[in-house]
Amino acid sequence: MAIEFDPVKNAKNKEKHGISLAEAKGFEFGTAIIIVDDRQEYDETRYIAYGYIADRLHVLVWGLSS
């Protein structure tokens, strides 16, 4: 999966959560629980995934445009 993100958002994420968005490359999608975020109408299909990067549980949220 190609990962694209805004450098400003990445800096905020590192400050708030202590992890770079680039580290999502190590996310273990094979064992993750992934759901569609349909809590509201978005301009894209949004997903929430619960899974591991190394030995730590993380939550990933991302969107895909149609």
N, C-alpha and C. Protein backbone atom coordinates (compact mmCIF):
# COMPACT_ATOMS: atom_id res chain seq x y z
N MET A 1 0.83 -1.16 0.00
CA MET A 1 0.00 0.00 0.00
C MET A 1 0.89 1.24 0.00
N ALA A 2 0.63 2.14 -0.93
CA ALA A 2 1.36 3.40 -0.97
C ALA A 2 0.84 4.31 0.14
N ILE A 3 1.73 4.95 0.84
CA ILE A 3 1.35 5.82 1.94
C ILE A 3 1.73 7.24 1.57
N GLU A 4 0.73 8.13 1.55
CA GLU A 4 0.95 9.54 1.29
C GLU A 4 0.39 10.32 2.47
N PHE A 5 1.12 11.31 2.92
CA PHE A 5 0.63 12.12 4.02
C PHE A 5 1.27 13.50 3.97
N ASP A 6 0.61 14.42 4.60
CA ASP A 6 1.06 15.80 4.70
C ASP A 6 2.16 15.88 5.76
N PRO A 7 3.30 16.48 5.46
CA PRO A 7 4.38 16.59 6.44
C PRO A 7 3.97 17.34 7.72
N VAL A 8 3.08 18.32 7.58
CA VAL A 8 2.61 19.06 8.75
C VAL A 8 1.77 18.14 9.64
N LYS A 9 0.87 17.34 9.01
CA LYS A 9 0.07 16.39 9.78
C LYS A 9 0.98 15.34 10.43
N ASN A 10 2.02 14.94 9.73
CA ASN A 10 2.95 13.97 10.28
C ASN A 10 3.64 14.51 11.54
N ALA A 11 4.06 15.77 11.48
CA ALA A 11 4.71 16.38 12.64
C ALA A 11 3.76 16.46 13.83
N LYS A 12 2.49 16.80 13.56
CA LYS A 12 1.49 16.86 14.62
C LYS A 12 1.23 15.46 15.20
N ASN A 13 1.19 14.46 14.33
CA ASN A 13 0.95 13.09 14.78
C ASN A 13 2.12 12.60 15.65
N LYS A 14 3.35 12.92 15.23
CA LYS A 14 4.52 12.54 16.03
C LYS A 14 4.50 13.19 17.40
N GLU A 15 4.10 14.47 17.44
CA GLU A 15 4.04 15.18 18.71
C GLU A 15 2.92 14.62 19.61
N LYS A 16 1.77 14.35 19.02
CA LYS A 16 0.61 13.90 19.80
C LYS A 16 0.69 12.44 20.20
N HIS A 17 1.12 11.56 19.26
CA HIS A 17 1.07 10.12 19.47
C HIS A 17 2.43 9.44 19.58
N GLY A 18 3.49 10.17 19.28
CA GLY A 18 4.83 9.61 19.39
C GLY A 18 5.20 8.64 18.29
N ILE A 19 4.52 8.73 17.14
CA ILE A 19 4.82 7.83 16.02
C ILE A 19 4.66 8.58 14.70
N SER A 20 5.56 8.33 13.78
CA SER A 20 5.50 8.92 12.45
C SER A 20 4.48 8.17 11.60
N LEU A 21 3.80 8.89 10.74
CA LEU A 21 2.86 8.24 9.82
C LEU A 21 3.59 7.28 8.88
N ALA A 22 4.86 7.51 8.63
CA ALA A 22 5.64 6.62 7.78
C ALA A 22 5.77 5.22 8.38
N GLU A 23 5.63 5.11 9.69
CA GLU A 23 5.74 3.80 10.34
C GLU A 23 4.55 2.89 10.03
N ALA A 24 3.52 3.44 9.41
CA ALA A 24 2.37 2.62 9.00
C ALA A 24 2.79 1.55 7.99
N LYS A 25 3.94 1.73 7.35
CA LYS A 25 4.43 0.70 6.42
C LYS A 25 4.61 -0.64 7.13
N GLY A 26 4.88 -0.62 8.43
CA GLY A 26 5.07 -1.84 9.20
C GLY A 26 3.80 -2.41 9.79
N PHE A 27 2.65 -1.80 9.48
CA PHE A 27 1.37 -2.26 10.02
C PHE A 27 1.06 -3.66 9.51
N GLU A 28 0.67 -4.55 10.40
CA GLU A 28 0.40 -5.95 10.06
C GLU A 28 -1.05 -6.12 9.59
N PHE A 29 -1.30 -5.82 8.33
CA PHE A 29 -2.65 -5.90 7.78
C PHE A 29 -3.20 -7.32 7.78
N GLY A 30 -2.34 -8.31 7.69
CA GLY A 30 -2.77 -9.70 7.63
C GLY A 30 -3.51 -10.17 8.87
N THR A 31 -3.24 -9.56 10.01
CA THR A 31 -3.89 -9.96 11.25
C THR A 31 -4.79 -8.85 11.81
N ALA A 32 -4.93 -7.76 11.08
CA ALA A 32 -5.70 -6.61 11.57
C ALA A 32 -7.20 -6.83 11.42
N ILE A 33 -7.95 -6.14 12.26
CA ILE A 33 -9.40 -6.04 12.12
C ILE A 33 -9.66 -4.73 11.41
N ILE A 34 -10.32 -4.79 10.24
CA ILE A 34 -10.55 -3.61 9.42
C ILE A 34 -12.04 -3.46 9.20
N ILE A 35 -12.55 -2.25 9.46
CA ILE A 35 -13.97 -1.97 9.25
C ILE A 35 -14.11 -0.71 8.42
N VAL A 36 -15.25 -0.61 7.72
CA VAL A 36 -15.57 0.62 6.99
C VAL A 36 -16.15 1.60 7.99
N ASP A 37 -15.67 2.83 7.97
CA ASP A 37 -16.17 3.89 8.84
C ASP A 37 -17.37 4.52 8.15
N ASP A 38 -18.56 4.08 8.53
CA ASP A 38 -19.78 4.61 7.92
C ASP A 38 -20.62 5.40 8.93
N ARG A 39 -19.94 5.95 9.92
CA ARG A 39 -20.64 6.72 10.94
C ARG A 39 -21.26 7.99 10.39
N GLN A 40 -20.72 8.48 9.30
CA GLN A 40 -21.28 9.64 8.62
C GLN A 40 -20.89 9.59 7.15
N GLU A 41 -21.44 10.51 6.36
CA GLU A 41 -21.13 10.55 4.93
C GLU A 41 -19.82 11.30 4.73
N TYR A 42 -18.86 10.64 4.09
CA TYR A 42 -17.58 11.25 3.77
C TYR A 42 -17.48 11.40 2.26
N ASP A 43 -16.52 12.17 1.79
CA ASP A 43 -16.29 12.32 0.34
C ASP A 43 -15.49 11.14 -0.21
N GLU A 44 -15.19 10.17 0.63
CA GLU A 44 -14.37 9.02 0.26
C GLU A 44 -14.79 7.84 1.13
N THR A 45 -14.37 6.65 0.76
CA THR A 45 -14.58 5.50 1.62
C THR A 45 -13.51 5.52 2.69
N ARG A 46 -13.92 5.51 3.96
CA ARG A 46 -12.97 5.58 5.06
C ARG A 46 -12.92 4.25 5.78
N TYR A 47 -11.73 3.91 6.25
CA TYR A 47 -11.51 2.64 6.94
C TYR A 47 -10.86 2.89 8.29
N ILE A 48 -11.15 1.99 9.23
CA ILE A 48 -10.50 1.98 10.53
C ILE A 48 -9.92 0.58 10.70
N ALA A 49 -8.66 0.50 11.04
CA ALA A 49 -8.00 -0.80 11.23
C ALA A 49 -7.35 -0.85 12.60
N TYR A 50 -7.51 -2.00 13.26
CA TYR A 50 -6.88 -2.25 14.55
C TYR A 50 -5.87 -3.37 14.34
N GLY A 51 -4.61 -3.08 14.58
CA GLY A 51 -3.59 -4.09 14.34
C GLY A 51 -2.25 -3.66 14.92
N TYR A 52 -1.25 -4.46 14.64
CA TYR A 52 0.06 -4.26 15.25
C TYR A 52 1.09 -3.68 14.29
N ILE A 53 1.96 -2.87 14.87
CA ILE A 53 3.25 -2.49 14.29
C ILE A 53 4.25 -3.00 15.31
N ALA A 54 5.00 -4.01 14.91
CA ALA A 54 5.90 -4.72 15.84
C ALA A 54 5.04 -5.31 16.96
N ASP A 55 5.34 -5.00 18.20
CA ASP A 55 4.59 -5.61 19.31
C ASP A 55 3.62 -4.64 19.98
N ARG A 56 3.25 -3.57 19.27
CA ARG A 56 2.36 -2.57 19.85
C ARG A 56 1.10 -2.41 19.00
N LEU A 57 -0.06 -2.42 19.68
CA LEU A 57 -1.34 -2.27 19.00
C LEU A 57 -1.53 -0.81 18.57
N HIS A 58 -2.00 -0.63 17.32
CA HIS A 58 -2.25 0.70 16.78
C HIS A 58 -3.60 0.73 16.09
N VAL A 59 -4.12 1.94 15.89
CA VAL A 59 -5.33 2.16 15.12
C VAL A 59 -4.95 3.02 13.92
N LEU A 60 -5.29 2.54 12.73
CA LEU A 60 -5.04 3.29 11.49
C LEU A 60 -6.38 3.72 10.93
N VAL A 61 -6.46 4.95 10.46
CA VAL A 61 -7.66 5.46 9.79
C VAL A 61 -7.21 6.06 8.48
N TRP A 62 -7.87 5.67 7.40
CA TRP A 62 -7.50 6.23 6.11
C TRP A 62 -8.71 6.24 5.18
N GLY A 63 -8.59 7.00 4.10
CA GLY A 63 -9.66 7.10 3.13
C GLY A 63 -9.16 6.83 1.74
N LEU A 64 -10.08 6.33 0.92
CA LEU A 64 -9.80 6.07 -0.49
C LEU A 64 -10.85 6.75 -1.33
N SER A 65 -10.43 7.58 -2.25
CA SER A 65 -11.37 8.23 -3.16
C SER A 65 -11.84 7.25 -4.21
N SER A 66 -13.06 7.43 -4.66
CA SER A 66 -13.62 6.54 -5.69
C SER A 66 -13.03 6.80 -7.05
